[in-house]
Amino acid sequence: MCPMPHDIPDYDPFQSAYHEAFRPELYSLLDALPLPPGGHVIDLPCGNGFYTRRLAERLGPDQRLTAVDQCESYLNDVREQVVALPGTVDVRRGDAYRLPFQDATFDLVWSAQSLISLDPNLAVREMYRICKPQGFVAILEVDQFHHVVLPWPAELEVALASATLKASIRKYGDGVKLSPARRLRPILRAAGFASIRRWNYPLERTAPFEHATHDFLERHFQSLRDFAYHELSQEMKSSFDRYTDSTSPVSLQRSADAELECMNVLYLASPTAPSGTA
């Protein structure tokens, strides 16, 4: 396996596995977003182009798409993905806090699972600035404490949540960095949005898991091991090892009754309140 370019974030393999495992549902969610004729859309930050490509495929001849990120390797990948697609796609490097666009430029601002690596207050304020008064900002986010729901033993599930909290405090200085979804409404309101709506999207899989789901689970287990495992007691480490070992008789990957649910939250906000709203 070739090493990743140095500027690609280390969470990319996990996020790419998530995209692949739940591609149909994520694309369906994206397809339902409002996109007016002649509209201008921005994917911010665009990352590896998973959503950019789908947005570009959806564009009509009079619609435009802009994809922005700070990672040059990502931007090069996105350019290759959209070069043969119809429509106008502008791929450029940019700072999410100081975007090179005039006020009220975009009809739809799309941002997916990016606020954990940004300052949500600054990023959302900039989204508000570039959004047209009648436009929309759509933010897909997660809460890492509840993102992936699995049939762990109850005591292990509680221990993992506690360990994740401790690891978050150790790394970030607080326990809220990993849960941008639960803070979004007041952040959107403070930025100036007059209309704020929210939907929950549970993405579900049941055993036997196909390859993409199995790969996502393996990467999820590894991310827990890298981030929070050291905060577990020895007893809970042993339990975690048993339930994540694919050769174990209690392995979650092998269990015929295993169920997986990934919780997602979509916020759709507009600078202007709907007509008829006081």
C-alpha atoms as a PDB file:
ATOM      1  CA  MET A   1       0.000   0.000   0.000  1.00  0.00           C
ATOM      2  CA  CYS A   2       1.375   3.386  -0.997  1.00  0.00           C
ATOM      3  CA  PRO A   3       1.728   5.886   1.830  1.00  0.00           C
ATOM      4  CA  MET A   4      -0.680   8.813   1.859  1.00  0.00           C
ATOM      5  CA  PRO A   5       0.664  12.201   0.741  1.00  0.00           C
ATOM      6  CA  HIS A   6       1.869  14.128   3.763  1.00  0.00           C
ATOM      7  CA  ASP A   7      -0.890  16.729   3.622  1.00  0.00           C
ATOM      8  CA  ILE A   8      -3.792  14.248   3.666  1.00  0.00           C
ATOM      9  CA  PRO A   9      -5.202  13.954   7.224  1.00  0.00           C
ATOM     10  CA  ASP A  10      -4.717  10.674   9.057  1.00  0.00           C
ATOM     11  CA  TYR A  11      -8.469  10.160   9.408  1.00  0.00           C
ATOM     12  CA  ASP A  12      -8.903   9.868   5.624  1.00  0.00           C
ATOM     13  CA  PRO A  13      -8.938   6.021   5.447  1.00  0.00           C
ATOM     14  CA  PHE A  14     -11.626   5.838   8.147  1.00  0.00           C
ATOM     15  CA  GLN A  15     -13.742   8.533   6.517  1.00  0.00           C
ATOM     16  CA  SER A  16     -13.357   6.966   3.073  1.00  0.00           C
ATOM     17  CA  ALA A  17     -14.452   3.603   4.471  1.00  0.00           C
ATOM     18  CA  TYR A  18     -17.507   5.291   5.984  1.00  0.00           C
ATOM     19  CA  HIS A  19     -18.365   6.863   2.629  1.00  0.00           C
ATOM     20  CA  GLU A  20     -18.051   3.559   0.829  1.00  0.00           C
ATOM     21  CA  ALA A  21     -20.129   1.639   3.370  1.00  0.00           C
ATOM     22  CA  PHE A  22     -23.012   4.115   3.289  1.00  0.00           C
ATOM     23  CA  ARG A  23     -22.715   5.620  -0.197  1.00  0.00           C
ATOM     24  CA  PRO A  24     -26.380   5.056  -1.259  1.00  0.00           C
ATOM     25  CA  GLU A  25     -27.862   6.745   1.805  1.00  0.00           C
ATOM     26  CA  LEU A  26     -25.373   9.617   1.823  1.00  0.00           C
ATOM     27  CA  TYR A  27     -25.951  10.333  -1.854  1.00  0.00           C
ATOM     28  CA  SER A  28     -29.718  10.149  -1.365  1.00  0.00           C
ATOM     29  CA  LEU A  29     -29.453  12.699   1.457  1.00  0.00           C
ATOM     30  CA  LEU A  30     -27.357  14.979  -0.744  1.00  0.00           C
ATOM     31  CA  ASP A  31     -29.743  14.641  -3.702  1.00  0.00           C
ATOM     32  CA  ALA A  32     -32.656  15.916  -1.596  1.00  0.00           C
ATOM     33  CA  LEU A  33     -31.019  19.278  -0.835  1.00  0.00           C
ATOM     34  CA  PRO A  34     -32.504  22.401  -2.443  1.00  0.00           C
ATOM     35  CA  LEU A  35     -30.643  23.455  -5.583  1.00  0.00           C
ATOM     36  CA  PRO A  36     -32.419  26.141  -7.647  1.00  0.00           C
ATOM     37  CA  PRO A  37     -32.076  26.568 -11.428  1.00  0.00           C
ATOM     38  CA  GLY A  38     -28.999  28.637 -12.132  1.00  0.00           C
ATOM     39  CA  GLY A  39     -27.794  28.004  -8.608  1.00  0.00           C
ATOM     40  CA  HIS A  40     -24.229  28.214  -7.332  1.00  0.00           C
ATOM     41  CA  VAL A  41     -23.080  25.559  -4.835  1.00  0.00           C
ATOM     42  CA  ILE A  42     -19.955  25.278  -2.691  1.00  0.00           C
ATOM     43  CA  ASP A  43     -18.580  22.117  -1.074  1.00  0.00           C
ATOM     44  CA  LEU A  44     -16.633  23.349   1.960  1.00  0.00           C
ATOM     45  CA  PRO A  45     -14.235  21.785   2.718  1.00  0.00           C
ATOM     46  CA  CYS A  46     -14.462  19.295  -0.124  1.00  0.00           C
ATOM     47  CA  GLY A  47     -11.989  16.735   1.247  1.00  0.00           C
ATOM     48  CA  ASN A  48     -11.436  13.771  -1.055  1.00  0.00           C
ATOM     49  CA  GLY A  49     -14.308  14.752  -3.330  1.00  0.00           C
ATOM     50  CA  PHE A  50     -16.849  12.134  -2.287  1.00  0.00           C
ATOM     51  CA  TYR A  51     -19.653  14.699  -2.143  1.00  0.00           C
ATOM     52  CA  THR A  52     -18.161  17.018  -4.765  1.00  0.00           C
ATOM     53  CA  ARG A  53     -18.461  14.376  -7.450  1.00  0.00           C
ATOM     54  CA  ARG A  54     -22.106  13.712  -6.629  1.00  0.00           C
ATOM     55  CA  LEU A  55     -22.909  17.416  -6.610  1.00  0.00           C
ATOM     56  CA  ALA A  56     -21.159  17.796  -9.967  1.00  0.00           C
ATOM     57  CA  GLU A  57     -23.152  14.892 -11.421  1.00  0.00           C
ATOM     58  CA  ARG A  58     -26.333  16.629 -10.311  1.00  0.00           C
ATOM     59  CA  LEU A  59     -25.509  19.995 -11.885  1.00  0.00           C
ATOM     60  CA  GLY A  60     -27.512  21.261 -14.816  1.00  0.00           C
ATOM     61  CA  PRO A  61     -25.943  23.266 -17.657  1.00  0.00           C
ATOM     62  CA  ASP A  62     -26.772  26.574 -15.938  1.00  0.00           C
ATOM     63  CA  GLN A  63     -25.549  25.601 -12.464  1.00  0.00           C
ATOM     64  CA  ARG A  64     -22.096  26.045 -10.949  1.00  0.00           C
ATOM     65  CA  LEU A  65     -20.110  24.213  -8.288  1.00  0.00           C
ATOM     66  CA  THR A  66     -17.102  25.377  -6.292  1.00  0.00           C
ATOM     67  CA  ALA A  67     -14.994  22.962  -4.240  1.00  0.00           C
ATOM     68  CA  VAL A  68     -12.624  24.361  -1.620  1.00  0.00           C
ATOM     69  CA  ASP A  69     -10.051  22.728   0.637  1.00  0.00           C
ATOM     70  CA  GLN A  70      -6.600  23.463   2.026  1.00  0.00           C
ATOM     71  CA  CYS A  71      -5.146  20.057   1.153  1.00  0.00           C
ATOM     72  CA  GLU A  72      -3.481  20.147  -2.281  1.00  0.00           C
ATOM     73  CA  SER A  73      -3.558  16.353  -2.627  1.00  0.00           C
ATOM     74  CA  TYR A  74      -7.300  16.369  -2.066  1.00  0.00           C
ATOM     75  CA  LEU A  75      -7.755  19.175  -4.581  1.00  0.00           C
ATOM     76  CA  ASN A  76      -5.762  17.300  -7.223  1.00  0.00           C
ATOM     77  CA  ASP A  77      -7.943  14.215  -6.662  1.00  0.00           C
ATOM     78  CA  VAL A  78     -11.107  16.279  -6.968  1.00  0.00           C
ATOM     79  CA  ARG A  79      -9.937  17.883 -10.211  1.00  0.00           C
ATOM     80  CA  GLU A  80      -9.365  14.445 -11.717  1.00  0.00           C
ATOM     81  CA  GLN A  81     -12.815  13.273 -10.607  1.00  0.00           C
ATOM     82  CA  VAL A  82     -14.775  16.170 -12.101  1.00  0.00           C
ATOM     83  CA  VAL A  83     -12.782  16.960 -15.241  1.00  0.00           C
ATOM     84  CA  ALA A  84     -14.989  14.794 -17.483  1.00  0.00           C
ATOM     85  CA  LEU A  85     -18.289  15.753 -15.854  1.00  0.00           C
ATOM     86  CA  PRO A  86     -20.705  18.322 -17.313  1.00  0.00           C
ATOM     87  CA  GLY A  87     -21.267  21.673 -15.707  1.00  0.00           C
ATOM     88  CA  THR A  88     -18.891  24.276 -14.359  1.00  0.00           C
ATOM     89  CA  VAL A  89     -16.741  23.086 -11.435  1.00  0.00           C
ATOM     90  CA  ASP A  90     -14.175  25.406  -9.876  1.00  0.00           C
ATOM     91  CA  VAL A  91     -11.690  23.605  -7.602  1.00  0.00           C
ATOM     92  CA  ARG A  92      -9.491  25.861  -5.528  1.00  0.00           C
ATOM     93  CA  ARG A  93      -7.506  26.123  -2.330  1.00  0.00           C
ATOM     94  CA  GLY A  94      -9.021  28.243   0.406  1.00  0.00           C
ATOM     95  CA  ASP A  95      -9.212  28.974   4.114  1.00  0.00           C
ATOM     96  CA  ALA A  96     -12.598  28.062   5.614  1.00  0.00           C
ATOM     97  CA  TYR A  97     -12.409  31.157   7.851  1.00  0.00           C
ATOM     98  CA  ARG A  98     -11.433  33.646   5.110  1.00  0.00           C
ATOM     99  CA  LEU A  99     -12.900  32.519   1.814  1.00  0.00           C
ATOM    100  CA  PRO A 100     -12.064  34.442  -1.382  1.00  0.00           C
ATOM    101  CA  PHE A 101     -15.700  35.108  -2.271  1.00  0.00           C
ATOM    102  CA  GLN A 102     -17.970  38.111  -2.003  1.00  0.00           C
ATOM    103  CA  ASP A 103     -20.841  38.220   0.454  1.00  0.00           C
ATOM    104  CA  ALA A 104     -24.015  36.375  -0.607  1.00  0.00           C
ATOM    105  CA  THR A 105     -22.366  34.386  -3.415  1.00  0.00           C
ATOM    106  CA  PHE A 106     -23.844  30.902  -3.007  1.00  0.00           C
ATOM    107  CA  ASP A 107     -27.336  29.432  -3.158  1.00  0.00           C
ATOM    108  CA  LEU A 108     -26.232  26.309  -1.280  1.00  0.00           C
ATOM    109  CA  VAL A 109     -23.283  25.904   1.091  1.00  0.00           C
ATOM    110  CA  TRP A 110     -22.583  22.221   1.793  1.00  0.00           C
ATOM    111  CA  SER A 111     -20.298  21.036   4.602  1.00  0.00           C
ATOM    112  CA  ALA A 112     -19.991  17.423   5.728  1.00  0.00           C
ATOM    113  CA  GLN A 113     -18.303  16.095   8.870  1.00  0.00           C
ATOM    114  CA  SER A 114     -15.680  18.820   8.936  1.00  0.00           C
ATOM    115  CA  LEU A 115     -16.362  20.887  12.049  1.00  0.00           C
ATOM    116  CA  ILE A 116     -14.336  18.577  14.298  1.00  0.00           C
ATOM    117  CA  SER A 117     -11.215  19.841  12.507  1.00  0.00           C
ATOM    118  CA  LEU A 118     -12.364  23.476  12.408  1.00  0.00           C
ATOM    119  CA  ASP A 119     -13.435  26.179  14.817  1.00  0.00           C
ATOM    120  CA  PRO A 120     -17.213  25.760  14.364  1.00  0.00           C
ATOM    121  CA  ASN A 121     -18.024  29.355  15.319  1.00  0.00           C
ATOM    122  CA  LEU A 122     -15.620  30.875  12.809  1.00  0.00           C
ATOM    123  CA  ALA A 123     -16.473  28.418  10.028  1.00  0.00           C
ATOM    124  CA  VAL A 124     -20.249  28.846  10.396  1.00  0.00           C
ATOM    125  CA  ARG A 125     -19.968  32.639  10.452  1.00  0.00           C
ATOM    126  CA  GLU A 126     -18.084  32.477   7.150  1.00  0.00           C
ATOM    127  CA  MET A 127     -20.735  30.145   5.715  1.00  0.00           C
ATOM    128  CA  TYR A 128     -23.352  32.705   6.691  1.00  0.00           C
ATOM    129  CA  ARG A 129     -21.409  35.482   4.996  1.00  0.00           C
ATOM    130  CA  ILE A 130     -21.150  33.738   1.620  1.00  0.00           C
ATOM    131  CA  CYS A 131     -24.739  32.400   1.618  1.00  0.00           C
ATOM    132  CA  LYS A 132     -27.388  34.312  -0.336  1.00  0.00           C
ATOM    133  CA  PRO A 133     -30.259  35.713   1.759  1.00  0.00           C
ATOM    134  CA  GLN A 134     -32.676  33.166   0.267  1.00  0.00           C
ATOM    135  CA  GLY A 135     -30.052  30.424   0.112  1.00  0.00           C
ATOM    136  CA  PHE A 136     -29.236  27.539   2.421  1.00  0.00           C
ATOM    137  CA  VAL A 137     -26.361  26.194   4.459  1.00  0.00           C
ATOM    138  CA  ALA A 138     -26.527  22.414   4.841  1.00  0.00           C
ATOM    139  CA  ILE A 139     -24.240  20.844   7.451  1.00  0.00           C
ATOM    140  CA  LEU A 140     -23.984  17.094   7.944  1.00  0.00           C
ATOM    141  CA  GLU A 141     -22.389  16.268  11.286  1.00  0.00           C
ATOM    142  CA  VAL A 142     -22.027  13.557  13.896  1.00  0.00           C
ATOM    143  CA  ASP A 143     -21.594  13.185  17.613  1.00  0.00           C
ATOM    144  CA  GLN A 144     -18.698  10.803  18.154  1.00  0.00           C
ATOM    145  CA  PHE A 145     -20.156   9.608  21.448  1.00  0.00           C
ATOM    146  CA  HIS A 146     -23.207   8.279  19.576  1.00  0.00           C
ATOM    147  CA  HIS A 147     -22.069   8.050  15.957  1.00  0.00           C
ATOM    148  CA  VAL A 148     -21.544   4.292  15.716  1.00  0.00           C
ATOM    149  CA  VAL A 149     -24.021   2.226  17.745  1.00  0.00           C
ATOM    150  CA  LEU A 150     -23.136  -1.449  18.174  1.00  0.00           C
ATOM    151  CA  PRO A 151     -24.428  -4.242  20.432  1.00  0.00           C
ATOM    152  CA  TRP A 152     -21.536  -4.013  22.884  1.00  0.00           C
ATOM    153  CA  PRO A 153     -22.079  -5.402  26.377  1.00  0.00           C
ATOM    154  CA  ALA A 154     -23.607  -2.523  28.337  1.00  0.00           C
ATOM    155  CA  GLU A 155     -20.655  -2.194  30.711  1.00  0.00           C
ATOM    156  CA  LEU A 156     -18.204  -2.010  27.788  1.00  0.00           C
ATOM    157  CA  GLU A 157     -20.319   0.573  25.967  1.00  0.00           C
ATOM    158  CA  VAL A 158     -20.372   2.810  29.046  1.00  0.00           C
ATOM    159  CA  ALA A 159     -16.633   2.306  29.559  1.00  0.00           C
ATOM    160  CA  LEU A 160     -15.891   3.236  25.932  1.00  0.00           C
ATOM    161  CA  ALA A 161     -17.919   6.449  26.229  1.00  0.00           C
ATOM    162  CA  SER A 162     -16.077   7.364  29.429  1.00  0.00           C
ATOM    163  CA  ALA A 163     -12.708   6.543  27.873  1.00  0.00           C
ATOM    164  CA  THR A 164     -13.532   8.639  24.802  1.00  0.00           C
ATOM    165  CA  LEU A 165     -14.445  11.576  27.029  1.00  0.00           C
ATOM    166  CA  LYS A 166     -11.198  11.275  28.978  1.00  0.00           C
ATOM    167  CA  ALA A 167      -9.176  11.028  25.767  1.00  0.00           C
ATOM    168  CA  SER A 168     -10.954  14.070  24.334  1.00  0.00           C
ATOM    169  CA  ILE A 169     -10.175  16.123  27.432  1.00  0.00           C
ATOM    170  CA  ARG A 170      -6.569  14.976  27.304  1.00  0.00           C
ATOM    171  CA  LYS A 171      -6.168  15.827  23.608  1.00  0.00           C
ATOM    172  CA  TYR A 172      -8.419  18.862  23.154  1.00  0.00           C
ATOM    173  CA  GLY A 173      -8.819  20.215  26.667  1.00  0.00           C
ATOM    174  CA  ASP A 174     -12.566  19.624  26.730  1.00  0.00           C
ATOM    175  CA  GLY A 175     -15.223  17.016  26.092  1.00  0.00           C
ATOM    176  CA  VAL A 176     -17.168  18.870  23.392  1.00  0.00           C
ATOM    177  CA  LYS A 177     -14.729  18.893  20.460  1.00  0.00           C
ATOM    178  CA  LEU A 178     -15.897  15.430  19.393  1.00  0.00           C
ATOM    179  CA  SER A 179     -19.563  16.376  19.371  1.00  0.00           C
ATOM    180  CA  PRO A 180     -20.089  19.355  17.022  1.00  0.00           C
ATOM    181  CA  ALA A 181     -23.614  18.182  16.150  1.00  0.00           C
ATOM    182  CA  ARG A 182     -24.978  18.855  19.628  1.00  0.00           C
ATOM    183  CA  ARG A 183     -23.690  22.447  19.567  1.00  0.00           C
ATOM    184  CA  LEU A 184     -24.765  23.473  16.081  1.00  0.00           C
ATOM    185  CA  ARG A 185     -28.114  25.131  16.724  1.00  0.00           C
ATOM    186  CA  PRO A 186     -26.784  27.891  19.033  1.00  0.00           C
ATOM    187  CA  ILE A 187     -23.779  28.355  16.736  1.00  0.00           C
ATOM    188  CA  LEU A 188     -26.045  28.789  13.707  1.00  0.00           C
ATOM    189  CA  ARG A 189     -28.298  31.171  15.616  1.00  0.00           C
ATOM    190  CA  ALA A 190     -25.349  33.265  16.803  1.00  0.00           C
ATOM    191  CA  ALA A 191     -24.055  33.497  13.225  1.00  0.00           C
ATOM    192  CA  GLY A 192     -27.324  35.137  12.181  1.00  0.00           C
ATOM    193  CA  PHE A 193     -29.396  32.370  10.586  1.00  0.00           C
ATOM    194  CA  ALA A 194     -33.124  33.041  10.884  1.00  0.00           C
ATOM    195  CA  SER A 195     -34.343  29.580   9.848  1.00  0.00           C
ATOM    196  CA  ILE A 196     -32.786  26.441  11.351  1.00  0.00           C
ATOM    197  CA  ARG A 197     -34.096  22.926  10.742  1.00  0.00           C
ATOM    198  CA  ARG A 198     -32.675  19.581  11.818  1.00  0.00           C
ATOM    199  CA  TRP A 199     -33.111  15.971  10.739  1.00  0.00           C
ATOM    200  CA  ASN A 200     -31.626  12.774  12.175  1.00  0.00           C
ATOM    201  CA  TYR A 201     -30.395  10.176   9.703  1.00  0.00           C
ATOM    202  CA  PRO A 202     -29.691   6.696  11.117  1.00  0.00           C
ATOM    203  CA  LEU A 203     -27.782   4.541   8.624  1.00  0.00           C
ATOM    204  CA  GLU A 204     -28.289   0.864   9.406  1.00  0.00           C
ATOM    205  CA  ARG A 205     -26.685  -2.449   8.528  1.00  0.00           C
ATOM    206  CA  THR A 206     -27.403  -5.951   9.808  1.00  0.00           C
ATOM    207  CA  ALA A 207     -25.247  -9.075   9.750  1.00  0.00           C
ATOM    208  CA  PRO A 208     -23.904 -10.679   7.740  1.00  0.00           C
ATOM    209  CA  PHE A 209     -21.963  -7.535   6.864  1.00  0.00           C
ATOM    210  CA  GLU A 210     -20.777  -7.096   3.303  1.00  0.00           C
ATOM    211  CA  HIS A 211     -17.180  -6.121   2.571  1.00  0.00           C
ATOM    212  CA  ALA A 212     -17.547  -2.324   2.736  1.00  0.00           C
ATOM    213  CA  THR A 213     -19.322  -2.470   6.108  1.00  0.00           C
ATOM    214  CA  HIS A 214     -16.785  -4.951   7.456  1.00  0.00           C
ATOM    215  CA  ASP A 215     -13.946  -2.655   6.384  1.00  0.00           C
ATOM    216  CA  PHE A 216     -15.637   0.323   8.032  1.00  0.00           C
ATOM    217  CA  LEU A 217     -16.082  -1.642  11.269  1.00  0.00           C
ATOM    218  CA  GLU A 218     -12.428  -2.657  11.296  1.00  0.00           C
ATOM    219  CA  ARG A 219     -11.365   0.954  10.875  1.00  0.00           C
ATOM    220  CA  HIS A 220     -13.827   2.088  13.534  1.00  0.00           C
ATOM    221  CA  PHE A 221     -12.390  -0.418  15.992  1.00  0.00           C
ATOM    222  CA  GLN A 222      -8.870   0.726  15.156  1.00  0.00           C
ATOM    223  CA  SER A 223      -9.821   4.377  15.684  1.00  0.00           C
ATOM    224  CA  LEU A 224     -11.218   3.499  19.122  1.00  0.00           C
ATOM    225  CA  ARG A 225      -8.045   1.596  19.900  1.00  0.00           C
ATOM    226  CA  ASP A 226      -5.851   4.507  18.818  1.00  0.00           C
ATOM    227  CA  PHE A 227      -7.865   7.184  20.594  1.00  0.00           C
ATOM    228  CA  ALA A 228      -9.476   5.764  23.730  1.00  0.00           C
ATOM    229  CA  TYR A 229      -8.192   2.234  24.417  1.00  0.00           C
ATOM    230  CA  HIS A 230      -5.453   3.410  26.772  1.00  0.00           C
ATOM    231  CA  GLU A 231      -8.118   5.007  29.007  1.00  0.00           C
ATOM    232  CA  LEU A 232      -9.904   1.671  29.574  1.00  0.00           C
ATOM    233  CA  SER A 233      -9.377  -0.520  32.614  1.00  0.00           C
ATOM    234  CA  GLN A 234      -7.554  -3.784  32.005  1.00  0.00           C
ATOM    235  CA  GLU A 235     -10.824  -5.684  32.331  1.00  0.00           C
ATOM    236  CA  MET A 236     -12.494  -3.492  29.709  1.00  0.00           C
ATOM    237  CA  LYS A 237      -9.451  -3.724  27.424  1.00  0.00           C
ATOM    238  CA  SER A 238      -9.777  -7.499  27.494  1.00  0.00           C
ATOM    239  CA  SER A 239     -13.486  -7.261  26.739  1.00  0.00           C
ATOM    240  CA  PHE A 240     -12.856  -4.825  23.878  1.00  0.00           C
ATOM    241  CA  ASP A 241     -10.226  -7.160  22.442  1.00  0.00           C
ATOM    242  CA  ARG A 242     -12.633 -10.106  22.474  1.00  0.00           C
ATOM    243  CA  TYR A 243     -15.493  -8.268  20.786  1.00  0.00           C
ATOM    244  CA  THR A 244     -13.312  -6.704  18.076  1.00  0.00           C
ATOM    245  CA  ASP A 245     -11.176  -9.751  17.256  1.00  0.00           C
ATOM    246  CA  SER A 246     -12.577 -11.283  14.050  1.00  0.00           C
ATOM    247  CA  THR A 247     -11.433 -14.736  15.168  1.00  0.00           C
ATOM    248  CA  SER A 248     -13.167 -14.545  18.549  1.00  0.00           C
ATOM    249  CA  PRO A 249     -16.441 -16.471  19.089  1.00  0.00           C
ATOM    250  CA  VAL A 250     -18.068 -13.237  20.367  1.00  0.00           C
ATOM    251  CA  SER A 251     -16.695 -11.084  17.538  1.00  0.00           C
ATOM    252  CA  LEU A 252     -19.116  -8.372  16.410  1.00  0.00           C
ATOM    253  CA  GLN A 253     -17.957  -8.946  12.841  1.00  0.00           C
ATOM    254  CA  ARG A 254     -18.900 -12.646  13.004  1.00  0.00           C
ATOM    255  CA  SER A 255     -22.095 -12.511  15.032  1.00  0.00           C
ATOM    256  CA  ALA A 256     -25.165 -13.502  13.011  1.00  0.00           C
ATOM    257  CA  ASP A 257     -27.261 -11.125  15.122  1.00  0.00           C
ATOM    258  CA  ALA A 258     -25.012  -8.059  14.993  1.00  0.00           C
ATOM    259  CA  GLU A 259     -26.587  -4.729  14.068  1.00  0.00           C
ATOM    260  CA  LEU A 260     -24.824  -1.488  13.200  1.00  0.00           C
ATOM    261  CA  GLU A 261     -26.297   1.997  13.249  1.00  0.00           C
ATOM    262  CA  CYS A 262     -24.501   5.199  12.306  1.00  0.00           C
ATOM    263  CA  MET A 263     -26.215   8.332  13.553  1.00  0.00           C
ATOM    264  CA  ASN A 264     -25.975  11.493  11.446  1.00  0.00           C
ATOM    265  CA  VAL A 265     -27.495  14.931  11.898  1.00  0.00           C
ATOM    266  CA  LEU A 266     -28.338  17.297   9.054  1.00  0.00           C
ATOM    267  CA  TYR A 267     -28.901  20.972   9.754  1.00  0.00           C
ATOM    268  CA  LEU A 268     -30.452  23.126   7.033  1.00  0.00           C
ATOM    269  CA  ALA A 269     -30.234  26.833   7.787  1.00  0.00           C
ATOM    270  CA  SER A 270     -31.129  29.983   5.888  1.00  0.00           C
ATOM    271  CA  PRO A 271     -30.367  33.646   6.583  1.00  0.00           C
ATOM    272  CA  THR A 272     -34.028  34.429   5.842  1.00  0.00           C
ATOM    273  CA  ALA A 273     -36.976  33.048   7.753  1.00  0.00           C
ATOM    274  CA  PRO A 274     -39.665  31.242   5.710  1.00  0.00           C
ATOM    275  CA  SER A 275     -42.466  33.483   4.460  1.00  0.00           C
ATOM    276  CA  GLY A 276     -45.266  33.753   6.978  1.00  0.00           C
ATOM    277  CA  THR A 277     -42.918  33.250   9.931  1.00  0.00           C
ATOM    278  CA  ALA A 278     -43.175  35.938  12.576  1.00  0.00           C
END
